[in-house]
PDB file of all heavy atoms in Angstrom:
ATOM      1  N   PRO A   1      28.167 -54.163 -43.526  1.00  0.00           N
ATOM      2  CA  PRO A   1      28.137 -52.938 -44.359  1.00  0.00           C
ATOM      3  C   PRO A   1      29.591 -52.423 -44.536  1.00  0.00           C
ATOM      4  O   PRO A   1      30.462 -52.629 -43.676  1.00  0.00           O
ATOM      5  CB  PRO A   1      27.429 -51.891 -43.506  1.00  0.00           C
ATOM      6  CG  PRO A   1      26.506 -52.751 -42.619  1.00  0.00           C
ATOM      7  CD  PRO A   1      27.358 -54.029 -42.362  1.00  0.00           C
ATOM      8  N   VAL A   2      29.815 -51.883 -45.719  1.00  0.00           N
ATOM      9  CA  VAL A   2      31.208 -51.445 -46.130  1.00  0.00           C
ATOM     10  C   VAL A   2      31.770 -50.433 -45.149  1.00  0.00           C
ATOM     11  O   VAL A   2      32.952 -50.464 -44.726  1.00  0.00           O
ATOM     12  CB  VAL A   2      31.169 -50.860 -47.612  1.00  0.00           C
ATOM     13  CG1 VAL A   2      32.591 -50.248 -47.925  1.00  0.00           C
ATOM     14  CG2 VAL A   2      30.754 -51.897 -48.568  1.00  0.00           C
ATOM     15  N   ASN A   3      30.924 -49.393 -44.768  1.00  0.00           N
ATOM     16  CA  ASN A   3      31.429 -48.284 -43.968  1.00  0.00           C
ATOM     17  C   ASN A   3      31.817 -48.908 -42.546  1.00  0.00           C
ATOM     18  O   ASN A   3      32.743 -48.404 -41.942  1.00  0.00           O
ATOM     19  CB  ASN A   3      30.318 -47.264 -43.791  1.00  0.00           C
ATOM     20  CG  ASN A   3      29.054 -47.742 -43.230  1.00  0.00           C
ATOM     21  OD1 ASN A   3      28.805 -48.972 -43.120  1.00  0.00           O
ATOM     22  ND2 ASN A   3      28.133 -46.809 -42.910  1.00  0.00           N
ATOM     23  N   GLN A   4      31.098 -49.895 -42.054  1.00  0.00           N
ATOM     24  CA  GLN A   4      31.387 -50.503 -40.763  1.00  0.00           C
ATOM     25  C   GLN A   4      32.751 -51.260 -40.873  1.00  0.00           C
ATOM     26  O   GLN A   4      33.573 -51.198 -39.940  1.00  0.00           O
ATOM     27  CB  GLN A   4      30.361 -51.457 -40.308  1.00  0.00           C
ATOM     28  CG  GLN A   4      30.607 -52.024 -38.933  1.00  0.00           C
ATOM     29  CD  GLN A   4      29.507 -52.908 -38.443  1.00  0.00           C
ATOM     30  OE1 GLN A   4      28.389 -52.943 -39.028  1.00  0.00           O
ATOM     31  NE2 GLN A   4      29.779 -53.668 -37.374  1.00  0.00           N
ATOM     32  N   VAL A   5      33.011 -51.927 -42.010  1.00  0.00           N
ATOM     33  CA  VAL A   5      34.286 -52.620 -42.223  1.00  0.00           C
ATOM     34  C   VAL A   5      35.418 -51.585 -42.198  1.00  0.00           C
ATOM     35  O   VAL A   5      36.446 -51.831 -41.565  1.00  0.00           O
ATOM     36  CB  VAL A   5      34.295 -53.340 -43.538  1.00  0.00           C
ATOM     37  CG1 VAL A   5      35.669 -53.989 -43.796  1.00  0.00           C
ATOM     38  CG2 VAL A   5      33.243 -54.549 -43.454  1.00  0.00           C
ATOM     39  N   GLU A   6      35.188 -50.468 -42.883  1.00  0.00           N
ATOM     40  CA  GLU A   6      36.270 -49.443 -42.956  1.00  0.00           C
ATOM     41  C   GLU A   6      36.570 -48.836 -41.625  1.00  0.00           C
ATOM     42  O   GLU A   6      37.696 -48.611 -41.259  1.00  0.00           O
ATOM     43  CB  GLU A   6      35.854 -48.315 -43.961  1.00  0.00           C
ATOM     44  CG  GLU A   6      35.831 -48.803 -45.369  1.00  0.00           C
ATOM     45  CD  GLU A   6      35.364 -47.670 -46.306  1.00  0.00           C
ATOM     46  OE1 GLU A   6      34.844 -46.686 -45.772  1.00  0.00           O
ATOM     47  OE2 GLU A   6      35.522 -47.858 -47.542  1.00  0.00           O
ATOM     48  N   GLU A   7      35.513 -48.624 -40.799  1.00  0.00           N
ATOM     49  CA  GLU A   7      35.689 -48.088 -39.501  1.00  0.00           C
ATOM     50  C   GLU A   7      36.477 -49.121 -38.575  1.00  0.00           C
ATOM     51  O   GLU A   7      37.372 -48.623 -37.881  1.00  0.00           O
ATOM     52  CB  GLU A   7      34.345 -47.798 -38.787  1.00  0.00           C
ATOM     53  CG  GLU A   7      33.633 -46.658 -39.474  1.00  0.00           C
ATOM     54  CD  GLU A   7      32.172 -46.466 -38.861  1.00  0.00           C
ATOM     55  OE1 GLU A   7      31.811 -47.228 -38.006  1.00  0.00           O
ATOM     56  OE2 GLU A   7      31.505 -45.502 -39.271  1.00  0.00           O
ATOM     57  N   ASN A   8      36.178 -50.354 -38.694  1.00  0.00           N
ATOM     58  CA  ASN A   8      36.835 -51.337 -37.903  1.00  0.00           C
ATOM     59  C   ASN A   8      38.305 -51.461 -38.283  1.00  0.00           C
ATOM     60  O   ASN A   8      39.175 -51.571 -37.503  1.00  0.00           O
ATOM     61  CB  ASN A   8      36.210 -52.721 -38.073  1.00  0.00           C
ATOM     62  CG  ASN A   8      34.804 -52.765 -37.411  1.00  0.00           C
ATOM     63  OD1 ASN A   8      34.522 -52.005 -36.540  1.00  0.00           O
ATOM     64  ND2 ASN A   8      33.964 -53.726 -37.918  1.00  0.00           N
ATOM     65  N   HIS A   9      38.589 -51.271 -39.619  1.00  0.00           N
ATOM     66  CA  HIS A   9      39.888 -51.336 -40.191  1.00  0.00           C
ATOM     67  C   HIS A   9      40.723 -50.115 -39.623  1.00  0.00           C
ATOM     68  O   HIS A   9      41.848 -50.244 -39.248  1.00  0.00           O
ATOM     69  CB  HIS A   9      39.878 -51.287 -41.677  1.00  0.00           C
ATOM     70  CG  HIS A   9      41.221 -51.248 -42.299  1.00  0.00           C
ATOM     71  ND1 HIS A   9      42.087 -52.342 -42.210  1.00  0.00           N
ATOM     72  CD2 HIS A   9      41.881 -50.315 -43.031  1.00  0.00           C
ATOM     73  CE1 HIS A   9      43.204 -52.034 -42.848  1.00  0.00           C
ATOM     74  NE2 HIS A   9      43.123 -50.813 -43.358  1.00  0.00           N
ATOM     75  N   GLU A  10      40.071 -48.931 -39.616  1.00  0.00           N
ATOM     76  CA  GLU A  10      40.777 -47.726 -39.130  1.00  0.00           C
ATOM     77  C   GLU A  10      41.057 -47.924 -37.589  1.00  0.00           C
ATOM     78  O   GLU A  10      42.031 -47.444 -37.088  1.00  0.00           O
ATOM     79  CB  GLU A  10      39.891 -46.510 -39.297  1.00  0.00           C
ATOM     80  CG  GLU A  10      39.800 -46.148 -40.774  1.00  0.00           C
ATOM     81  CD  GLU A  10      41.041 -45.674 -41.378  1.00  0.00           C
ATOM     82  OE1 GLU A  10      41.892 -45.150 -40.611  1.00  0.00           O
ATOM     83  OE2 GLU A  10      41.212 -45.782 -42.574  1.00  0.00           O
ATOM     84  N   ASP A  11      40.081 -48.522 -36.851  1.00  0.00           N
ATOM     85  CA  ASP A  11      40.275 -48.656 -35.409  1.00  0.00           C
ATOM     86  C   ASP A  11      41.491 -49.582 -35.090  1.00  0.00           C
ATOM     87  O   ASP A  11      42.086 -49.467 -34.047  1.00  0.00           O
ATOM     88  CB  ASP A  11      38.993 -49.291 -34.779  1.00  0.00           C
ATOM     89  CG  ASP A  11      37.840 -48.304 -34.775  1.00  0.00           C
ATOM     90  OD1 ASP A  11      38.184 -47.055 -34.976  1.00  0.00           O
ATOM     91  OD2 ASP A  11      36.683 -48.716 -34.703  1.00  0.00           O
ATOM     92  N   ASN A  12      41.737 -50.512 -36.084  1.00  0.00           N
ATOM     93  CA  ASN A  12      42.847 -51.510 -35.787  1.00  0.00           C
ATOM     94  C   ASN A  12      44.216 -50.888 -36.113  1.00  0.00           C
ATOM     95  O   ASN A  12      45.219 -51.484 -35.810  1.00  0.00           O
ATOM     96  CB  ASN A  12      42.640 -52.712 -36.653  1.00  0.00           C
ATOM     97  CG  ASN A  12      41.367 -53.571 -36.159  1.00  0.00           C
ATOM     98  OD1 ASN A  12      41.029 -53.449 -34.979  1.00  0.00           O
ATOM     99  ND2 ASN A  12      40.750 -54.228 -37.015  1.00  0.00           N
ATOM    100  N   LYS A  13      44.210 -49.767 -36.831  1.00  0.00           N
ATOM    101  CA  LYS A  13      45.473 -49.082 -37.216  1.00  0.00           C
ATOM    102  C   LYS A  13      46.098 -48.436 -35.964  1.00  0.00           C
ATOM    103  O   LYS A  13      45.372 -47.849 -35.157  1.00  0.00           O
ATOM    104  CB  LYS A  13      45.282 -48.008 -38.300  1.00  0.00           C
ATOM    105  CG  LYS A  13      45.061 -48.616 -39.622  1.00  0.00           C
ATOM    106  CD  LYS A  13      44.988 -47.498 -40.629  1.00  0.00           C
ATOM    107  CE  LYS A  13      44.842 -48.031 -42.034  1.00  0.00           C
ATOM    108  NZ  LYS A  13      44.794 -46.944 -43.032  1.00  0.00           N
ATOM    109  N   PRO A  14      47.405 -48.491 -35.816  1.00  0.00           N
ATOM    110  CA  PRO A  14      47.997 -47.776 -34.735  1.00  0.00           C
ATOM    111  C   PRO A  14      47.921 -46.293 -34.935  1.00  0.00           C
ATOM    112  O   PRO A  14      48.183 -45.792 -36.025  1.00  0.00           O
ATOM    113  CB  PRO A  14      49.467 -48.281 -34.794  1.00  0.00           C
ATOM    114  CG  PRO A  14      49.696 -48.703 -36.216  1.00  0.00           C
ATOM    115  CD  PRO A  14      48.372 -49.279 -36.616  1.00  0.00           C
ATOM    116  N   LYS A  15      47.474 -45.564 -33.900  1.00  0.00           N
ATOM    117  CA  LYS A  15      47.270 -44.142 -34.001  1.00  0.00           C
ATOM    118  C   LYS A  15      48.635 -43.462 -33.758  1.00  0.00           C
ATOM    119  O   LYS A  15      49.321 -43.737 -32.906  1.00  0.00           O
ATOM    120  CB  LYS A  15      46.242 -43.688 -32.973  1.00  0.00           C
ATOM    121  CG  LYS A  15      44.904 -44.201 -33.246  1.00  0.00           C
ATOM    122  CD  LYS A  15      43.831 -43.644 -32.273  1.00  0.00           C
ATOM    123  CE  LYS A  15      42.417 -44.171 -32.576  1.00  0.00           C
ATOM    124  NZ  LYS A  15      41.461 -43.611 -31.640  1.00  0.00           N
ATOM    125  N   LYS A  16      48.873 -42.434 -34.703  1.00  0.00           N
ATOM    126  CA  LYS A  16      50.066 -41.593 -34.558  1.00  0.00           C
ATOM    127  C   LYS A  16      49.772 -40.420 -33.654  1.00  0.00           C
ATOM    128  O   LYS A  16      48.752 -39.829 -33.721  1.00  0.00           O
ATOM    129  CB  LYS A  16      50.517 -41.128 -35.911  1.00  0.00           C
ATOM    130  CG  LYS A  16      50.970 -42.249 -36.818  1.00  0.00           C
ATOM    131  CD  LYS A  16      51.413 -41.604 -38.181  1.00  0.00           C
ATOM    132  CE  LYS A  16      51.971 -42.702 -39.117  1.00  0.00           C
ATOM    133  NZ  LYS A  16      52.446 -42.116 -40.370  1.00  0.00           N
ATOM    134  N   GLU A  17      50.663 -40.205 -32.797  1.00  0.00           N
ATOM    135  CA  GLU A  17      50.534 -39.086 -31.912  1.00  0.00           C
ATOM    136  C   GLU A  17      50.838 -37.785 -32.604  1.00  0.00           C
ATOM    137  O   GLU A  17      51.875 -37.629 -33.246  1.00  0.00           O
ATOM    138  CB  GLU A  17      51.526 -39.187 -30.744  1.00  0.00           C
ATOM    139  CG  GLU A  17      51.364 -38.133 -29.691  1.00  0.00           C
ATOM    140  CD  GLU A  17      52.319 -38.323 -28.534  1.00  0.00           C
ATOM    141  OE1 GLU A  17      52.926 -39.392 -28.483  1.00  0.00           O
ATOM    142  OE2 GLU A  17      52.402 -37.411 -27.712  1.00  0.00           O
ATOM    143  N   LYS A  18      49.813 -36.901 -32.574  1.00  0.00           N
ATOM    144  CA  LYS A  18      50.046 -35.623 -33.204  1.00  0.00           C
ATOM    145  C   LYS A  18      50.792 -34.663 -32.306  1.00  0.00           C
ATOM    146  O   LYS A  18      50.463 -34.514 -31.140  1.00  0.00           O
ATOM    147  CB  LYS A  18      48.689 -34.980 -33.569  1.00  0.00           C
ATOM    148  CG  LYS A  18      47.886 -35.759 -34.607  1.00  0.00           C
ATOM    149  CD  LYS A  18      46.516 -35.037 -34.912  1.00  0.00           C
ATOM    150  CE  LYS A  18      45.758 -35.752 -35.978  1.00  0.00           C
ATOM    151  NZ  LYS A  18      44.540 -35.090 -36.278  1.00  0.00           N
ATOM    152  N   LYS A  19      51.790 -34.046 -32.987  1.00  0.00           N
ATOM    153  CA  LYS A  19      52.566 -33.044 -32.193  1.00  0.00           C
ATOM    154  C   LYS A  19      51.960 -31.715 -32.275  1.00  0.00           C
ATOM    155  O   LYS A  19      51.581 -31.234 -33.306  1.00  0.00           O
ATOM    156  CB  LYS A  19      54.038 -33.049 -32.702  1.00  0.00           C
ATOM    157  CG  LYS A  19      54.842 -34.237 -32.414  1.00  0.00           C
ATOM    158  CD  LYS A  19      56.294 -34.010 -32.848  1.00  0.00           C
ATOM    159  CE  LYS A  19      57.157 -35.239 -32.504  1.00  0.00           C
ATOM    160  NZ  LYS A  19      58.617 -35.002 -32.811  1.00  0.00           N
ATOM    161  N   SER A  20      51.777 -31.143 -31.159  1.00  0.00           N
ATOM    162  CA  SER A  20      51.198 -29.756 -31.116  1.00  0.00           C
ATOM    163  C   SER A  20      52.328 -28.793 -31.600  1.00  0.00           C
ATOM    164  O   SER A  20      53.482 -28.888 -31.328  1.00  0.00           O
ATOM    165  CB  SER A  20      50.873 -29.402 -29.680  1.00  0.00           C
ATOM    166  OG  SER A  20      50.409 -28.073 -29.630  1.00  0.00           O
ATOM    167  N   LYS A  21      51.806 -27.830 -32.410  1.00  0.00           N
ATOM    168  CA  LYS A  21      52.684 -26.826 -32.957  1.00  0.00           C
ATOM    169  C   LYS A  21      53.218 -25.946 -31.781  1.00  0.00           C
ATOM    170  O   LYS A  21      54.278 -25.316 -31.976  1.00  0.00           O
ATOM    171  CB  LYS A  21      51.958 -25.945 -34.004  1.00  0.00           C
ATOM    172  CG  LYS A  21      51.632 -26.714 -35.227  1.00  0.00           C
ATOM    173  CD  LYS A  21      50.988 -25.760 -36.268  1.00  0.00           C
ATOM    174  CE  LYS A  21      50.693 -26.504 -37.538  1.00  0.00           C
ATOM    175  NZ  LYS A  21      50.023 -25.659 -38.565  1.00  0.00           N
ATOM    176  N   ASN A  22      52.481 -25.913 -30.756  1.00  0.00           N
ATOM    177  CA  ASN A  22      52.854 -25.043 -29.648  1.00  0.00           C
ATOM    178  C   ASN A  22      53.519 -25.798 -28.520  1.00  0.00           C
ATOM    179  O   ASN A  22      53.687 -25.276 -27.436  1.00  0.00           O
ATOM    180  CB  ASN A  22      51.569 -24.402 -29.045  1.00  0.00           C
ATOM    181  CG  ASN A  22      50.977 -23.396 -30.050  1.00  0.00           C
ATOM    182  OD1 ASN A  22      51.649 -22.798 -30.873  1.00  0.00           O
ATOM    183  ND2 ASN A  22      49.709 -23.302 -29.973  1.00  0.00           N
ATOM    184  N   LYS A  23      54.030 -27.031 -28.868  1.00  0.00           N
ATOM    185  CA  LYS A  23      54.758 -27.805 -27.868  1.00  0.00           C
ATOM    186  C   LYS A  23      56.143 -28.122 -28.356  1.00  0.00           C
ATOM    187  O   LYS A  23      56.338 -28.417 -29.503  1.00  0.00           O
ATOM    188  CB  LYS A  23      53.983 -29.056 -27.494  1.00  0.00           C
ATOM    189  CG  LYS A  23      52.679 -28.819 -26.791  1.00  0.00           C
ATOM    190  CD  LYS A  23      52.109 -30.152 -26.402  1.00  0.00           C
ATOM    191  CE  LYS A  23      50.745 -30.000 -25.630  1.00  0.00           C
ATOM    192  NZ  LYS A  23      50.192 -31.223 -25.233  1.00  0.00           N
ATOM    193  N   ASN A  24      57.079 -28.142 -27.418  1.00  0.00           N
ATOM    194  CA  ASN A  24      58.452 -28.524 -27.800  1.00  0.00           C
ATOM    195  C   ASN A  24      58.577 -30.063 -27.577  1.00  0.00           C
ATOM    196  O   ASN A  24      57.639 -30.764 -27.280  1.00  0.00           O
ATOM    197  CB  ASN A  24      59.451 -27.769 -26.930  1.00  0.00           C
ATOM    198  CG  ASN A  24      59.233 -27.972 -25.460  1.00  0.00           C
ATOM    199  OD1 ASN A  24      58.609 -28.875 -25.019  1.00  0.00           O
ATOM    200  ND2 ASN A  24      59.655 -26.913 -24.681  1.00  0.00           N
ATOM    201  N   ASP A  25      59.772 -30.553 -27.741  1.00  0.00           N
ATOM    202  CA  ASP A  25      60.063 -32.046 -27.674  1.00  0.00           C
ATOM    203  C   ASP A  25      59.752 -32.554 -26.326  1.00  0.00           C
ATOM    204  O   ASP A  25      59.483 -33.740 -26.152  1.00  0.00           O
ATOM    205  CB  ASP A  25      61.515 -32.326 -28.014  1.00  0.00           C
ATOM    206  CG  ASP A  25      61.747 -32.001 -29.484  1.00  0.00           C
ATOM    207  OD1 ASP A  25      60.846 -31.925 -30.267  1.00  0.00           O
ATOM    208  OD2 ASP A  25      62.949 -31.781 -29.855  1.00  0.00           O
ATOM    209  N   ASP A  26      59.790 -31.728 -25.290  1.00  0.00           N
ATOM    210  CA  ASP A  26      59.541 -32.214 -23.922  1.00  0.00           C
ATOM    211  C   ASP A  26      58.082 -32.175 -23.559  1.00  0.00           C
ATOM    212  O   ASP A  26      57.684 -32.492 -22.482  1.00  0.00           O
ATOM    213  CB  ASP A  26      60.329 -31.399 -22.876  1.00  0.00           C
ATOM    214  CG  ASP A  26      61.842 -31.562 -23.169  1.00  0.00           C
ATOM    215  OD1 ASP A  26      62.229 -32.675 -23.585  1.00  0.00           O
ATOM    216  OD2 ASP A  26      62.535 -30.610 -22.853  1.00  0.00           O
ATOM    217  N   GLY A  27      57.249 -31.665 -24.512  1.00  0.00           N
ATOM    218  CA  GLY A  27      55.778 -31.533 -24.272  1.00  0.00           C
ATOM    219  C   GLY A  27      55.369 -30.271 -23.650  1.00  0.00           C
ATOM    220  O   GLY A  27      54.153 -30.127 -23.359  1.00  0.00           O
ATOM    221  N   ASP A  28      56.282 -29.315 -23.420  1.00  0.00           N
ATOM    222  CA  ASP A  28      55.954 -28.104 -22.836  1.00  0.00           C
ATOM    223  C   ASP A  28      55.479 -27.161 -23.862  1.00  0.00           C
ATOM    224  O   ASP A  28      55.971 -27.098 -25.009  1.00  0.00           O
ATOM    225  CB  ASP A  28      57.183 -27.493 -22.123  1.00  0.00           C
ATOM    226  CG  ASP A  28      57.682 -28.319 -21.001  1.00  0.00           C
ATOM    227  OD1 ASP A  28      56.827 -28.977 -20.402  1.00  0.00           O
ATOM    228  OD2 ASP A  28      58.896 -28.343 -20.671  1.00  0.00           O
ATOM    229  N   GLU A  29      54.381 -26.399 -23.550  1.00  0.00           N
ATOM    230  CA  GLU A  29      53.826 -25.464 -24.521  1.00  0.00           C
ATOM    231  C   GLU A  29      54.789 -24.245 -24.551  1.00  0.00           C
ATOM    232  O   GLU A  29      55.315 -23.797 -23.573  1.00  0.00           O
ATOM    233  CB  GLU A  29      52.467 -24.991 -24.043  1.00  0.00           C
ATOM    234  CG  GLU A  29      51.408 -26.048 -24.143  1.00  0.00           C
ATOM    235  CD  GLU A  29      50.059 -25.504 -23.890  1.00  0.00           C
ATOM    236  OE1 GLU A  29      49.910 -24.292 -23.604  1.00  0.00           O
ATOM    237  OE2 GLU A  29      49.056 -26.281 -23.948  1.00  0.00           O
ATOM    238  N   THR A  30      55.014 -23.738 -25.806  1.00  0.00           N
ATOM    239  CA  THR A  30      55.937 -22.605 -26.017  1.00  0.00           C
ATOM    240  C   THR A  30      55.109 -21.407 -26.507  1.00  0.00           C
ATOM    241  O   THR A  30      54.183 -21.551 -27.350  1.00  0.00           O
ATOM    242  CB  THR A  30      56.954 -22.957 -27.076  1.00  0.00           C
ATOM    243  OG1 THR A  30      56.351 -23.368 -28.321  1.00  0.00           O
ATOM    244  CG2 THR A  30      57.834 -24.148 -26.560  1.00  0.00           C
ATOM    245  N   LYS A  31      55.432 -20.260 -26.096  1.00  0.00           N
ATOM    246  CA  LYS A  31      54.685 -19.060 -26.422  1.00  0.00           C
ATOM    247  C   LYS A  31      55.481 -18.403 -27.666  1.00  0.00           C
ATOM    248  O   LYS A  31      56.616 -18.607 -27.852  1.00  0.00           O
ATOM    249  CB  LYS A  31      54.753 -18.005 -25.341  1.00  0.00           C
ATOM    250  CG  LYS A  31      53.918 -18.493 -24.095  1.00  0.00           C
ATOM    251  CD  LYS A  31      53.901 -17.474 -23.044  1.00  0.00           C
ATOM    252  CE  LYS A  31      53.067 -17.931 -21.799  1.00  0.00           C
ATOM    253  NZ  LYS A  31      53.087 -16.865 -20.788  1.00  0.00           N
ATOM    254  N   PRO A  32      54.688 -17.781 -28.545  1.00  0.00           N
ATOM    255  CA  PRO A  32      55.332 -17.079 -29.729  1.00  0.00           C
ATOM    256  C   PRO A  32      56.386 -16.119 -29.285  1.00  0.00           C
ATOM    257  O   PRO A  32      56.222 -15.430 -28.212  1.00  0.00           O
ATOM    258  CB  PRO A  32      54.147 -16.388 -30.402  1.00  0.00           C
ATOM    259  CG  PRO A  32      52.927 -17.091 -29.963  1.00  0.00           C
ATOM    260  CD  PRO A  32      53.230 -17.593 -28.586  1.00  0.00           C
ATOM    261  N   SER A  33      57.457 -16.011 -30.040  1.00  0.00           N
ATOM    262  CA  SER A  33      58.554 -15.130 -29.691  1.00  0.00           C
ATOM    263  C   SER A  33      58.097 -13.683 -29.675  1.00  0.00           C
ATOM    264  O   SER A  33      57.596 -13.189 -30.683  1.00  0.00           O
ATOM    265  CB  SER A  33      59.732 -15.305 -30.664  1.00  0.00           C
ATOM    266  OG  SER A  33      60.682 -14.302 -30.430  1.00  0.00           O
ATOM    267  N   LYS A  34      58.287 -12.982 -28.579  1.00  0.00           N
ATOM    268  CA  LYS A  34      57.875 -11.593 -28.454  1.00  0.00           C
ATOM    269  C   LYS A  34      58.801 -10.759 -29.376  1.00  0.00           C
ATOM    270  O   LYS A  34      58.309  -9.806 -29.970  1.00  0.00           O
ATOM    271  CB  LYS A  34      58.023 -11.118 -27.004  1.00  0.00           C
ATOM    272  CG  LYS A  34      57.048 -11.703 -26.049  1.00  0.00           C
ATOM    273  CD  LYS A  34      55.607 -11.308 -26.364  1.00  0.00           C
ATOM    274  CE  LYS A  34      54.642 -11.865 -25.352  1.00  0.00           C
ATOM    275  NZ  LYS A  34      53.265 -11.511 -25.711  1.00  0.00           N
ATOM    276  N   LEU A  35      60.063 -11.142 -29.468  1.00  0.00           N
ATOM    277  CA  LEU A  35      60.948 -10.366 -30.302  1.00  0.00           C
ATOM    278  C   LEU A  35      60.533 -10.450 -31.812  1.00  0.00           C
ATOM    279  O   LEU A  35      60.506  -9.459 -32.465  1.00  0.00           O
ATOM    280  CB  LEU A  35      62.388 -10.969 -30.163  1.00  0.00           C
ATOM    281  CG  LEU A  35      63.427 -10.329 -31.115  1.00  0.00           C
ATOM    282  CD1 LEU A  35      63.561  -8.853 -30.836  1.00  0.00           C
ATOM    283  CD2 LEU A  35      64.797 -11.021 -30.888  1.00  0.00           C
ATOM    284  N   LYS A  36      60.144 -11.662 -32.269  1.00  0.00           N
ATOM    285  CA  LYS A  36      59.604 -11.825 -33.610  1.00  0.00           C
ATOM    286  C   LYS A  36      58.434 -11.008 -33.873  1.00  0.00           C
ATOM    287  O   LYS A  36      58.245 -10.386 -34.938  1.00  0.00           O
ATOM    288  CB  LYS A  36      59.434 -13.270 -33.958  1.00  0.00           C
ATOM    289  CG  LYS A  36      59.030 -13.575 -35.420  1.00  0.00           C
ATOM    290  CD  LYS A  36      58.928 -15.023 -35.636  1.00  0.00           C
ATOM    291  CE  LYS A  36      58.602 -15.316 -37.104  1.00  0.00           C
ATOM    292  NZ  LYS A  36      57.460 -14.628 -37.622  1.00  0.00           N
ATOM    293  N   GLU A  37      57.480 -11.043 -32.922  1.00  0.00           N
ATOM    294  CA  GLU A  37      56.215 -10.254 -33.056  1.00  0.00           C
ATOM    295  C   GLU A  37      56.519  -8.808 -33.165  1.00  0.00           C
ATOM    296  O   GLU A  37      55.948  -8.084 -34.037  1.00  0.00           O
ATOM    297  CB  GLU A  37      55.299 -10.510 -31.843  1.00  0.00           C
ATOM    298  CG  GLU A  37      54.650 -11.893 -31.858  1.00  0.00           C
ATOM    299  CD  GLU A  37      53.632 -12.051 -30.686  1.00  0.00           C
ATOM    300  OE1 GLU A  37      53.596 -11.038 -29.888  1.00  0.00           O
ATOM    301  OE2 GLU A  37      53.072 -13.096 -30.591  1.00  0.00           O
ATOM    302  N   THR A  38      57.506  -8.292 -32.319  1.00  0.00           N
ATOM    303  CA  THR A  38      57.880  -6.870 -32.394  1.00  0.00           C
ATOM    304  C   THR A  38      58.460  -6.558 -33.761  1.00  0.00           C
ATOM    305  O   THR A  38      58.201  -5.532 -34.325  1.00  0.00           O
ATOM    306  CB  THR A  38      58.910  -6.599 -31.258  1.00  0.00           C
ATOM    307  OG1 THR A  38      58.271  -6.922 -30.053  1.00  0.00           O
ATOM    308  CG2 THR A  38      59.224  -5.093 -31.255  1.00  0.00           C
ATOM    309  N   ILE A  39      59.398  -7.397 -34.252  1.00  0.00           N
ATOM    310  CA  ILE A  39      60.053  -7.141 -35.567  1.00  0.00           C
ATOM    311  C   ILE A  39      59.029  -7.099 -36.618  1.00  0.00           C
ATOM    312  O   ILE A  39      59.018  -6.232 -37.509  1.00  0.00           O
ATOM    313  CB  ILE A  39      61.132  -8.193 -35.814  1.00  0.00           C
ATOM    314  CG1 ILE A  39      62.291  -8.055 -34.780  1.00  0.00           C
ATOM    315  CG2 ILE A  39      61.639  -8.138 -37.218  1.00  0.00           C
ATOM    316  CD1 ILE A  39      63.317  -9.136 -34.953  1.00  0.00           C
ATOM    317  N   ASP A  40      58.117  -8.083 -36.662  1.00  0.00           N
ATOM    318  CA  ASP A  40      57.054  -8.182 -37.655  1.00  0.00           C
ATOM    319  C   ASP A  40      56.160  -6.923 -37.659  1.00  0.00           C
ATOM    320  O   ASP A  40      55.767  -6.470 -38.762  1.00  0.00           O
ATOM    321  CB  ASP A  40      56.224  -9.416 -37.483  1.00  0.00           C
ATOM    322  CG  ASP A  40      56.976 -10.660 -37.826  1.00  0.00           C
ATOM    323  OD1 ASP A  40      58.037 -10.574 -38.442  1.00  0.00           O
ATOM    324  OD2 ASP A  40      56.455 -11.753 -37.413  1.00  0.00           O
ATOM    325  N   PHE A  41      55.967  -6.340 -36.502  1.00  0.00           N
ATOM    326  CA  PHE A  41      55.096  -5.203 -36.416  1.00  0.00           C
ATOM    327  C   PHE A  41      55.820  -3.928 -36.848  1.00  0.00           C
ATOM    328  O   PHE A  41      55.292  -3.099 -37.613  1.00  0.00           O
ATOM    329  CB  PHE A  41      54.676  -5.002 -34.977  1.00  0.00           C
ATOM    330  CG  PHE A  41      53.798  -3.742 -34.752  1.00  0.00           C
ATOM    331  CD1 PHE A  41      52.477  -3.787 -35.098  1.00  0.00           C
ATOM    332  CD2 PHE A  41      54.374  -2.657 -34.235  1.00  0.00           C
ATOM    333  CE1 PHE A  41      51.720  -2.556 -34.911  1.00  0.00           C
ATOM    334  CE2 PHE A  41      53.612  -1.492 -34.025  1.00  0.00           C
ATOM    335  CZ  PHE A  41      52.305  -1.488 -34.339  1.00  0.00           C
ATOM    336  N   PHE A  42      57.110  -3.741 -36.455  1.00  0.00           N
ATOM    337  CA  PHE A  42      57.773  -2.498 -36.791  1.00  0.00           C
ATOM    338  C   PHE A  42      58.508  -2.466 -38.113  1.00  0.00           C
ATOM    339  O   PHE A  42      58.785  -1.383 -38.605  1.00  0.00           O
ATOM    340  CB  PHE A  42      58.750  -2.188 -35.642  1.00  0.00           C
ATOM    341  CG  PHE A  42      58.175  -1.595 -34.419  1.00  0.00           C
ATOM    342  CD1 PHE A  42      58.030  -2.432 -33.282  1.00  0.00           C
ATOM    343  CD2 PHE A  42      57.691  -0.309 -34.362  1.00  0.00           C
ATOM    344  CE1 PHE A  42      57.395  -1.970 -32.114  1.00  0.00           C
ATOM    345  CE2 PHE A  42      57.082   0.162 -33.226  1.00  0.00           C
ATOM    346  CZ  PHE A  42      56.943  -0.649 -32.065  1.00  0.00           C
TER     347      PHE A  42
END
């Protein structure tokens, strides 16, 4: 079946690692800047 062929083809592709928006280059999670939040509010 066509869909099975496509699935197998996708499985054979190298998966790209998704970078988390909340992580820095070292993999540590970063919290939103409190200063920026304060400025945006006031």
